[in-house]
Protein backbone atom coordinates (compact mmCIF):
# COMPACT_ATOMS: atom_id res chain seq x y z
CA MET A 1 57.75 15.11 205.17
CA ARG A 2 54.60 16.54 203.56
CA THR A 3 54.07 15.78 199.87
CA TYR A 4 51.49 16.84 197.32
CA SER A 5 48.19 14.99 197.52
CA TRP A 6 46.61 13.06 194.66
CA ALA A 7 44.14 15.94 194.21
CA SER A 8 46.97 18.47 193.86
CA VAL A 9 48.84 16.36 191.33
CA THR A 10 45.75 15.60 189.23
CA SER A 11 44.30 19.10 189.30
CA GLY A 12 47.72 20.67 188.68
CA TRP A 13 48.23 18.69 185.49
CA LEU A 14 44.65 19.32 184.36
CA VAL A 15 45.14 23.06 184.85
CA ALA A 16 48.32 22.87 182.74
CA LEU A 17 46.56 21.08 179.87
CA LEU A 18 43.44 23.24 179.91
CA TYR A 19 45.41 26.46 180.22
CA LEU A 20 47.56 25.45 177.25
CA ALA A 21 44.45 24.70 175.15
CA HIS A 22 42.81 27.96 176.25
CA GLN A 23 45.89 30.01 175.43
CA MET A 24 46.20 28.41 171.98
CA LEU A 25 42.54 29.14 171.25
CA THR A 26 42.86 32.71 172.54
CA THR A 27 45.79 33.28 170.18
CA GLN A 28 43.65 32.19 167.23
CA LEU A 29 40.70 34.26 168.47
CA ALA A 30 42.80 37.42 168.69
CA ARG A 31 44.07 36.95 165.14
CA SER A 32 40.74 36.05 163.55
CA ASP A 33 38.81 38.53 161.44
CA ARG A 34 36.75 40.61 163.86
CA PHE A 35 33.78 40.32 161.50
CA GLY A 36 34.51 36.88 160.07
CA PRO A 37 32.36 33.74 160.54
CA LEU A 38 34.96 31.92 162.66
CA ARG A 39 35.32 34.58 165.31
CA GLU A 40 32.05 33.91 167.09
CA GLU A 41 32.73 30.16 167.03
CA TYR A 42 36.18 30.73 168.53
CA ARG A 43 34.61 32.99 171.14
CA GLY A 44 32.13 30.30 172.21
CA TRP A 45 34.84 27.69 172.71
CA HIS A 46 36.93 30.33 174.48
CA TYR A 47 34.12 30.81 177.02
CA LEU A 48 33.60 27.05 177.42
CA LEU A 49 37.29 26.28 177.95
CA GLY A 50 37.56 29.21 180.35
CA THR A 51 34.67 27.83 182.40
CA LEU A 52 36.22 24.35 182.56
CA LEU A 53 39.54 25.91 183.51
CA LEU A 54 37.85 27.88 186.29
CA ILE A 55 36.33 24.70 187.75
CA VAL A 56 39.65 22.85 187.72
CA VAL A 57 41.70 25.75 189.08
CA LEU A 58 39.24 26.16 191.98
CA TRP A 59 39.76 22.45 192.70
CA ARG A 60 43.53 23.08 192.55
CA LEU A 61 43.29 25.95 195.03
CA ALA A 62 41.15 23.86 197.41
CA ALA A 63 43.72 21.04 197.26
CA TRP A 64 46.49 23.59 197.83
CA ARG A 65 44.81 24.72 201.03
CA ARG A 66 44.34 21.16 202.27
CA ASP A 67 47.96 20.21 201.54
CA GLY A 68 49.38 23.02 203.68
CA ALA A 69 53.15 23.58 203.72
CA VAL A 70 54.57 20.93 201.36
CA THR A 71 58.22 19.95 201.91
CA ALA A 72 60.77 20.76 199.20
CA ALA A 73 61.95 17.90 196.99
CA ALA A 74 65.43 16.45 197.50
CA GLY A 75 68.16 18.77 196.28
CA VAL A 76 65.91 21.84 196.16
CA PRO A 77 66.61 24.70 198.61
CA ALA A 78 63.60 25.51 200.79
CA GLY A 79 63.68 29.16 199.69
CA LEU A 80 63.67 28.22 195.98
CA HIS A 81 60.83 25.77 196.61
CA LEU A 82 58.85 28.52 198.38
CA TRP A 83 59.45 30.93 195.51
CA GLY A 84 58.20 28.41 192.95
CA ARG A 85 55.06 27.87 195.00
CA ALA A 86 54.50 31.64 195.33
CA LEU A 87 54.66 32.03 191.53
CA ALA A 88 52.30 29.12 190.96
CA LEU A 89 49.78 30.29 193.56
CA ALA A 90 49.73 33.81 192.11
CA ALA A 91 49.17 32.37 188.62
CA TYR A 92 46.32 30.11 189.82
CA ILE A 93 44.57 33.03 191.52
CA LEU A 94 44.83 35.13 188.34
CA ILE A 95 43.47 32.27 186.25
CA ALA A 96 40.52 31.99 188.67
CA LEU A 97 39.78 35.73 188.45
CA ALA A 98 39.91 35.97 184.65
CA PRO A 99 36.51 34.36 183.83
CA PHE A 100 34.61 36.69 186.16
CA ILE A 101 36.23 39.81 184.73
CA GLY A 102 35.86 38.46 181.19
CA LEU A 103 32.15 37.77 181.71
CA VAL A 104 31.38 41.33 182.78
CA TYR A 105 33.61 42.65 179.98
CA ALA A 106 31.62 40.69 177.39
CA TRP A 107 28.23 41.68 178.79
CA SER A 108 29.16 45.38 178.92
CA ASP A 109 29.95 45.15 175.19
CA GLU A 110 26.62 43.40 174.50
CA LEU A 111 28.34 40.18 173.45
CA VAL A 112 26.47 36.89 173.77
CA VAL A 113 28.32 34.59 176.18
CA HIS A 114 27.69 31.12 174.79
CA MET A 115 29.34 27.89 175.90
CA GLY A 116 30.50 26.55 172.57
CA PRO A 117 27.48 25.22 170.61
CA PHE A 118 25.59 24.23 173.76
CA PHE A 119 23.89 27.15 175.54
CA ALA A 120 24.19 30.88 176.24
CA LEU A 121 24.20 32.71 179.55
CA PRO A 122 21.60 35.45 180.08
CA SER A 123 23.19 38.88 180.20
CA LEU A 124 22.86 40.67 183.54
CA ILE A 125 23.96 44.12 182.32
CA GLY A 126 23.60 46.16 179.14
CA ARG A 127 26.18 48.10 177.14
CA ASP A 128 28.18 50.33 179.47
CA ARG A 129 31.36 51.98 178.22
CA ALA A 130 32.71 52.77 181.72
CA ILE A 131 32.38 49.13 182.84
CA TRP A 132 33.71 47.96 179.46
CA MET A 133 36.84 50.09 179.77
CA PHE A 134 37.51 49.05 183.37
CA THR A 135 36.98 45.32 182.92
CA GLY A 136 38.65 45.38 179.49
CA TYR A 137 41.78 46.90 180.96
CA PHE A 138 42.05 44.30 183.70
CA HIS A 139 41.01 41.41 181.46
CA SER A 140 43.97 42.30 179.28
CA GLY A 141 46.03 43.13 182.40
CA LEU A 142 45.53 39.63 183.81
CA GLY A 143 47.19 38.27 180.69
CA PHE A 144 50.18 40.56 181.18
CA MET A 145 50.36 39.66 184.88
CA THR A 146 50.41 35.96 184.04
CA LEU A 147 53.05 36.60 181.37
CA VAL A 148 55.34 38.38 183.85
CA LEU A 149 54.90 35.51 186.33
CA SER A 150 55.68 33.03 183.55
CA VAL A 151 58.88 34.83 182.57
CA ALA A 152 59.96 34.86 186.22
CA GLY A 153 59.06 31.18 186.46
CA LEU A 154 61.06 30.35 183.35
CA LEU A 155 64.11 32.15 184.76
CA THR A 156 63.62 30.27 188.02
CA LEU A 157 63.57 26.97 186.15
CA GLY A 158 66.77 27.93 184.35
CA TRP A 159 68.49 28.87 187.60
CA GLY A 160 67.33 25.74 189.41
CA TRP A 161 68.53 23.49 186.62
CA LEU A 162 71.96 25.12 186.16
CA ARG A 163 72.65 25.70 189.86
CA HIS A 164 71.09 22.64 191.46
CA GLY A 165 70.43 20.19 188.65
CA ARG A 166 66.71 20.02 189.42
CA GLY A 167 64.12 20.33 186.67
CA PRO A 168 60.54 21.59 186.23
CA LEU A 169 58.94 18.45 187.68
CA VAL A 170 60.49 19.02 191.12
CA LEU A 171 61.21 22.77 191.24
CA MET A 172 57.57 23.76 190.77
CA PRO A 173 54.23 22.40 192.04
CA PRO A 174 52.78 19.50 190.00
CA GLY A 175 52.11 20.49 186.41
CA TYR A 176 53.12 24.13 186.79
CA GLY A 177 56.71 23.76 185.54
CA VAL A 178 55.59 22.05 182.34
CA GLN A 179 52.75 24.56 182.04
CA LEU A 180 55.34 27.34 182.01
CA LEU A 181 57.36 25.75 179.22
CA LEU A 182 54.38 24.93 177.02
CA THR A 183 52.47 28.17 177.45
CA MET A 184 55.60 30.25 176.93
CA SER A 185 55.91 28.45 173.58
CA VAL A 186 52.43 29.74 172.70
CA THR A 187 53.39 33.22 173.87
CA VAL A 188 56.50 33.18 171.68
CA TYR A 189 54.33 32.12 168.75
CA ALA A 190 51.78 34.85 169.51
CA PHE A 191 54.35 37.64 169.57
CA ALA A 192 56.08 36.33 166.43
CA THR A 193 52.84 36.15 164.43
CA PHE A 194 51.35 39.53 165.21
CA ARG A 195 51.59 40.56 161.56
CA SER A 196 51.54 37.18 159.78
CA PRO A 197 51.77 33.48 160.74
CA GLU A 198 54.94 32.66 158.83
CA PRO A 199 57.54 33.51 161.54
CA GLY A 200 55.68 31.49 164.22
CA PRO A 201 57.13 27.97 163.78
CA ARG A 202 60.65 29.33 163.44
CA ALA A 203 60.31 31.39 166.63
CA VAL A 204 59.02 28.39 168.59
CA ALA A 205 61.86 26.24 167.21
CA VAL A 206 64.41 28.82 168.40
CA PHE A 207 62.76 28.89 171.84
CA TRP A 208 62.97 25.11 172.22
CA ALA A 209 66.52 25.07 170.86
CA ALA A 210 67.45 27.46 173.67
CA ILE A 211 65.69 25.18 176.18
CA ALA A 212 67.65 22.22 174.79
CA VAL A 213 70.94 24.08 175.16
CA PHE A 214 70.14 24.89 178.80
CA ALA A 215 69.10 21.30 179.42
CA GLY A 216 72.31 19.96 177.95
CA LEU A 217 74.46 22.46 179.84
CA GLY A 218 72.80 21.59 183.15
CA TRP A 219 73.23 17.89 182.50
CA LEU A 220 76.95 18.38 181.82
CA ILE A 221 77.37 20.40 185.01
CA HIS A 222 75.54 17.99 187.31
CA ARG A 223 75.95 14.55 185.71
CA ARG A 224 78.52 13.45 188.30
CA ARG A 225 77.30 15.44 191.27
CA SER A 226 75.13 14.07 194.03
CA LEU A 227 72.14 16.00 195.35
CA ARG A 228 72.92 18.47 198.09
CA ALA A 229 71.00 18.48 201.36
CA PHE A 230 69.35 21.72 202.40
CA ALA A 231 67.55 22.95 205.50
CA PRO A 232 63.97 21.62 205.41
CA ARG A 233 62.36 24.95 206.26
CA PRO A 234 62.72 28.33 204.51
CA SER A 235 64.06 31.28 206.44
CA SER A 236 61.74 33.89 207.93
CA PHE A 237 62.96 36.35 205.31
CA ALA A 238 62.07 33.97 202.45
CA ARG A 239 58.59 33.44 203.84
CA VAL A 240 57.92 37.17 203.59
CA ALA A 241 59.99 37.96 200.49
CA ALA A 242 58.50 35.28 198.22
CA PRO A 243 54.85 36.40 198.34
CA VAL A 244 55.80 40.09 198.34
CA ALA A 245 57.98 39.60 195.25
CA ALA A 246 55.20 37.64 193.52
CA LEU A 247 52.75 40.47 194.26
CA GLY A 248 55.28 42.93 192.87
CA LEU A 249 55.44 40.98 189.62
CA VAL A 250 51.65 40.96 189.44
CA ALA A 251 51.58 44.74 189.92
CA LEU A 252 54.23 45.17 187.21
CA GLY A 253 52.17 43.07 184.82
CA GLY A 254 49.14 45.23 185.58
CA THR A 255 50.83 48.15 183.80
CA GLY A 256 51.11 46.09 180.58
CA PRO A 257 47.99 47.35 178.75
CA TRP A 258 49.10 50.95 179.27
CA ALA A 259 52.74 50.30 178.36
CA LEU A 260 51.93 48.37 175.18
CA PHE A 261 48.58 49.73 174.00
CA ARG A 262 48.23 53.07 175.85
CA VAL A 263 44.82 52.05 177.22
CA THR A 264 43.54 53.08 180.65
CA PRO A 265 40.84 51.61 182.92
CA TRP A 266 38.81 54.82 182.73
CA PRO A 267 38.70 57.85 180.37
CA MET A 268 41.64 60.22 180.83
CA GLY A 269 42.13 63.49 178.97
CA VAL A 270 39.79 65.89 177.17
CA THR A 271 36.22 64.72 176.45
CA VAL A 272 34.41 66.15 173.42
CA ALA A 273 30.93 67.29 174.45
CA ALA A 274 28.11 65.52 172.63
CA PRO A 275 24.38 64.80 172.98
CA GLU A 276 23.45 61.48 174.55
CA GLY A 277 24.13 58.59 172.17
CA VAL A 278 26.06 60.60 169.55
CA THR A 279 29.38 58.86 168.92
CA SER A 280 30.43 59.99 165.44
CA HIS A 281 30.57 62.96 163.13
CA LEU A 282 27.08 63.64 161.77
CA VAL A 283 27.96 65.50 158.56
CA ARG A 284 30.85 65.57 156.14
CA ALA A 285 33.43 68.27 156.65
CA ASP A 286 33.62 71.02 154.03
CA HIS A 287 37.37 70.38 153.62
CA PRO A 288 38.46 69.08 150.18
CA ALA A 289 39.78 65.91 151.85
CA ALA A 290 36.20 64.90 152.63
CA GLN A 291 35.15 65.09 148.96
CA GLN A 292 37.73 62.68 147.52
CA VAL A 293 36.69 59.19 146.44
CA ALA A 294 38.41 55.97 147.44
CA LEU A 295 40.42 54.19 144.77
CA PRO A 296 39.38 50.68 143.64
CA PRO A 297 40.83 47.82 145.76
CA THR A 298 43.97 46.01 144.61
CA PRO A 299 45.55 42.64 145.53
CA PHE A 300 48.19 44.51 147.55
CA GLU A 301 45.46 46.33 149.46
CA ASP A 302 43.82 42.98 150.28
CA GLU A 303 47.14 41.81 151.70
CA VAL A 304 47.44 44.97 153.80
CA ARG A 305 43.87 44.45 155.05
CA THR A 306 44.67 40.99 156.44
CA GLU A 307 48.08 41.85 157.88
CA THR A 308 47.82 45.47 159.06
CA TYR A 309 44.45 47.15 158.62
CA LYS A 310 42.56 44.46 160.57
CA TRP A 311 44.23 45.77 163.75
CA CYS A 312 42.72 49.22 163.12
CA ARG A 313 39.26 47.67 163.40
CA PHE A 314 40.05 46.20 166.81
CA CYS A 315 40.28 49.74 168.21
CA HIS A 316 37.95 51.75 165.97
CA THR A 317 34.40 51.50 164.67
CA VAL A 318 33.58 53.10 161.32
CA ASP A 319 29.80 53.28 160.91
CA ALA A 320 27.57 56.11 162.09
CA GLY A 321 26.44 55.76 165.69
CA GLU A 322 28.58 52.73 166.54
CA PRO A 323 30.15 52.89 170.01
CA HIS A 324 33.66 54.07 170.66
CA LEU A 325 36.17 51.33 171.39
CA VAL A 326 39.69 51.98 172.65
CA GLY A 327 39.85 54.58 169.91
CA PRO A 328 37.10 56.86 168.59
CA ASN A 329 34.48 56.06 165.98
CA LEU A 330 35.96 57.15 162.62
CA HIS A 331 32.79 57.72 160.58
CA LEU A 332 33.27 60.68 158.17
CA ILE A 333 36.73 61.31 159.64
CA PHE A 334 38.39 62.69 156.47
CA GLY A 335 38.48 66.47 156.45
CA GLN A 336 37.59 66.70 160.14
CA ARG A 337 39.71 68.51 162.68
CA ALA A 338 41.70 66.12 164.92
CA GLY A 339 40.36 65.42 168.39
CA THR A 340 36.73 66.32 167.63
CA VAL A 341 34.76 63.06 167.40
CA PRO A 342 31.69 63.57 169.63
CA GLY A 343 31.70 61.88 173.01
CA PHE A 344 35.28 60.57 172.91
CA THR A 345 37.97 61.36 175.48
CA TYR A 346 41.23 62.36 173.80
CA SER A 347 44.75 62.76 175.12
CA GLU A 348 45.84 66.31 175.85
CA ALA A 349 48.28 66.04 172.93
CA MET A 350 45.59 65.15 170.39
CA ALA A 351 43.15 67.75 171.66
CA LYS A 352 45.87 70.40 171.42
CA ALA A 353 46.87 69.32 167.89
CA GLY A 354 43.26 69.64 166.75
CA ALA A 355 42.88 73.03 168.36
CA GLU A 356 46.01 74.17 166.53
CA GLY A 357 44.61 73.14 163.15
CA LEU A 358 45.49 69.49 162.48
CA VAL A 359 43.00 68.16 159.90
CA TRP A 360 42.74 64.52 158.83
CA THR A 361 43.74 64.43 155.17
CA ASP A 362 45.29 61.45 153.35
CA GLU A 363 48.73 62.93 153.90
CA LYS A 364 48.21 63.66 157.60
CA ILE A 365 46.80 60.20 158.33
CA ALA A 366 49.77 58.60 156.54
CA TRP A 367 52.13 60.84 158.51
CA PHE A 368 50.43 59.92 161.77
CA ILE A 369 50.36 56.13 161.34
CA ALA A 370 54.01 56.16 160.28
CA ASP A 371 54.86 56.64 163.98
CA PRO A 372 52.17 58.17 166.22
CA GLN A 373 54.34 58.42 169.32
CA LYS A 374 57.12 60.20 167.43
CA HIS A 375 54.97 62.55 165.38
CA LEU A 376 52.53 63.46 168.15
CA PRO A 377 54.26 62.86 171.52
CA GLY A 378 51.78 62.19 174.31
CA THR A 379 49.08 60.73 172.09
CA SER A 380 47.36 57.58 173.35
CA MET A 381 47.20 56.27 169.78
CA ILE A 382 49.42 53.36 168.82
CA VAL A 383 49.47 51.05 165.81
CA SER A 384 48.96 47.57 167.27
CA SER A 385 51.10 45.89 164.62
CA GLY A 386 53.79 48.55 164.95
CA PRO A 387 54.49 51.86 163.16
CA ILE A 388 53.87 51.85 159.39
CA PRO A 389 56.84 53.57 157.68
CA ASP A 390 56.25 52.05 154.21
CA PRO A 391 54.52 54.67 152.00
CA GLU A 392 52.76 51.98 149.93
CA VAL A 393 51.30 50.34 153.03
CA GLN A 394 50.29 53.77 154.34
CA LYS A 395 48.52 54.50 151.06
CA ALA A 396 46.64 51.17 151.22
CA VAL A 397 45.60 51.73 154.84
CA VAL A 398 44.37 55.26 154.05
CA ASN A 399 42.39 54.02 151.05
CA LEU A 400 40.81 51.23 153.10
CA LEU A 401 39.95 53.71 155.82
CA ARG A 402 38.42 56.13 153.31
CA ARG A 403 36.32 53.36 151.73
CA GLU A 404 34.93 52.24 155.12
CA THR A 405 34.45 55.58 156.87
CA MET A 406 33.23 57.89 154.10
CA LYS A 407 30.37 55.80 152.72
CA ASP A 408 26.95 57.39 153.06
């Protein structure tokens, strides 16, 4: 009987702890003000934790190779044991790849990669939008891939507990079962707090209440049953099916950035011709919408800025000459025809709408952000925090956008 080595057990639990800490920090980083003082500090610790995680996960993979084919624990079918290992191995490989992709992604955006407060790495490349788009897509995609694997792992844990009475400590490799439960808690919190932090604790409490119900149900089912004996080796079919299914889940997760954010790893659509380095409108439009003045800020507008408008700035720049992000630079956008920002690649739908006369006025921007996919089918534009149907929120977003994009 082959069991996990001391190196596998130790490195597995260290990966679980570091990955949990890294995921919690990443959640805070993603929700921090893109231009606030804390963001760069979060980013530094994000890089440092990611580096430590890379070192430990490489140790885990080396120990995995040395251990070879580990025997399933008592009461665990060999096929289920193999499936749990396939999920864990796929997750460890993704975790190992993430820092390399993230490093190139940061460098191509001219970000300083610094290890917390200690030291910075010299950049090996300059700003490059093509590399930024490609690595950005897969940096985000790795997160979706890991999420899909985690959901599959969570379902596997539920099945193993209800069907066989075996829990996360024996169904999965050392540390990975607990890693699934803890990091899925962070994921639940992240999805629940996309707009504001208030729903987060309640969502996590509901998640753990569901886990407790499953735990109690499994205990009732198996409290008087003895462990079943299973064949020590998985079938030939399981040996092929487990890794193929894990790869399929990884491929499914790779579509996540497109499905959720409509981003692609390279420009797709109609590119607006522009001189080298020109990334924004150079002059105000002669449309009346370009001559209006932004209204003074209000307390409600400040609330909208922190809950909704901040997500606009994750995809768009607003000052003259700043680079395009996922979306185009919006400098002097009011009064301009849709789909005409220099140097940006638009969807066919947006390019067509502009050619047919769509002009960005207050009313048209409010109409668009109310539900981009409904009002302009085929557009690659989404609102990260979800469609904005509330007219008052629309008005606040439009006023914020006017104040930031129409300044001379």
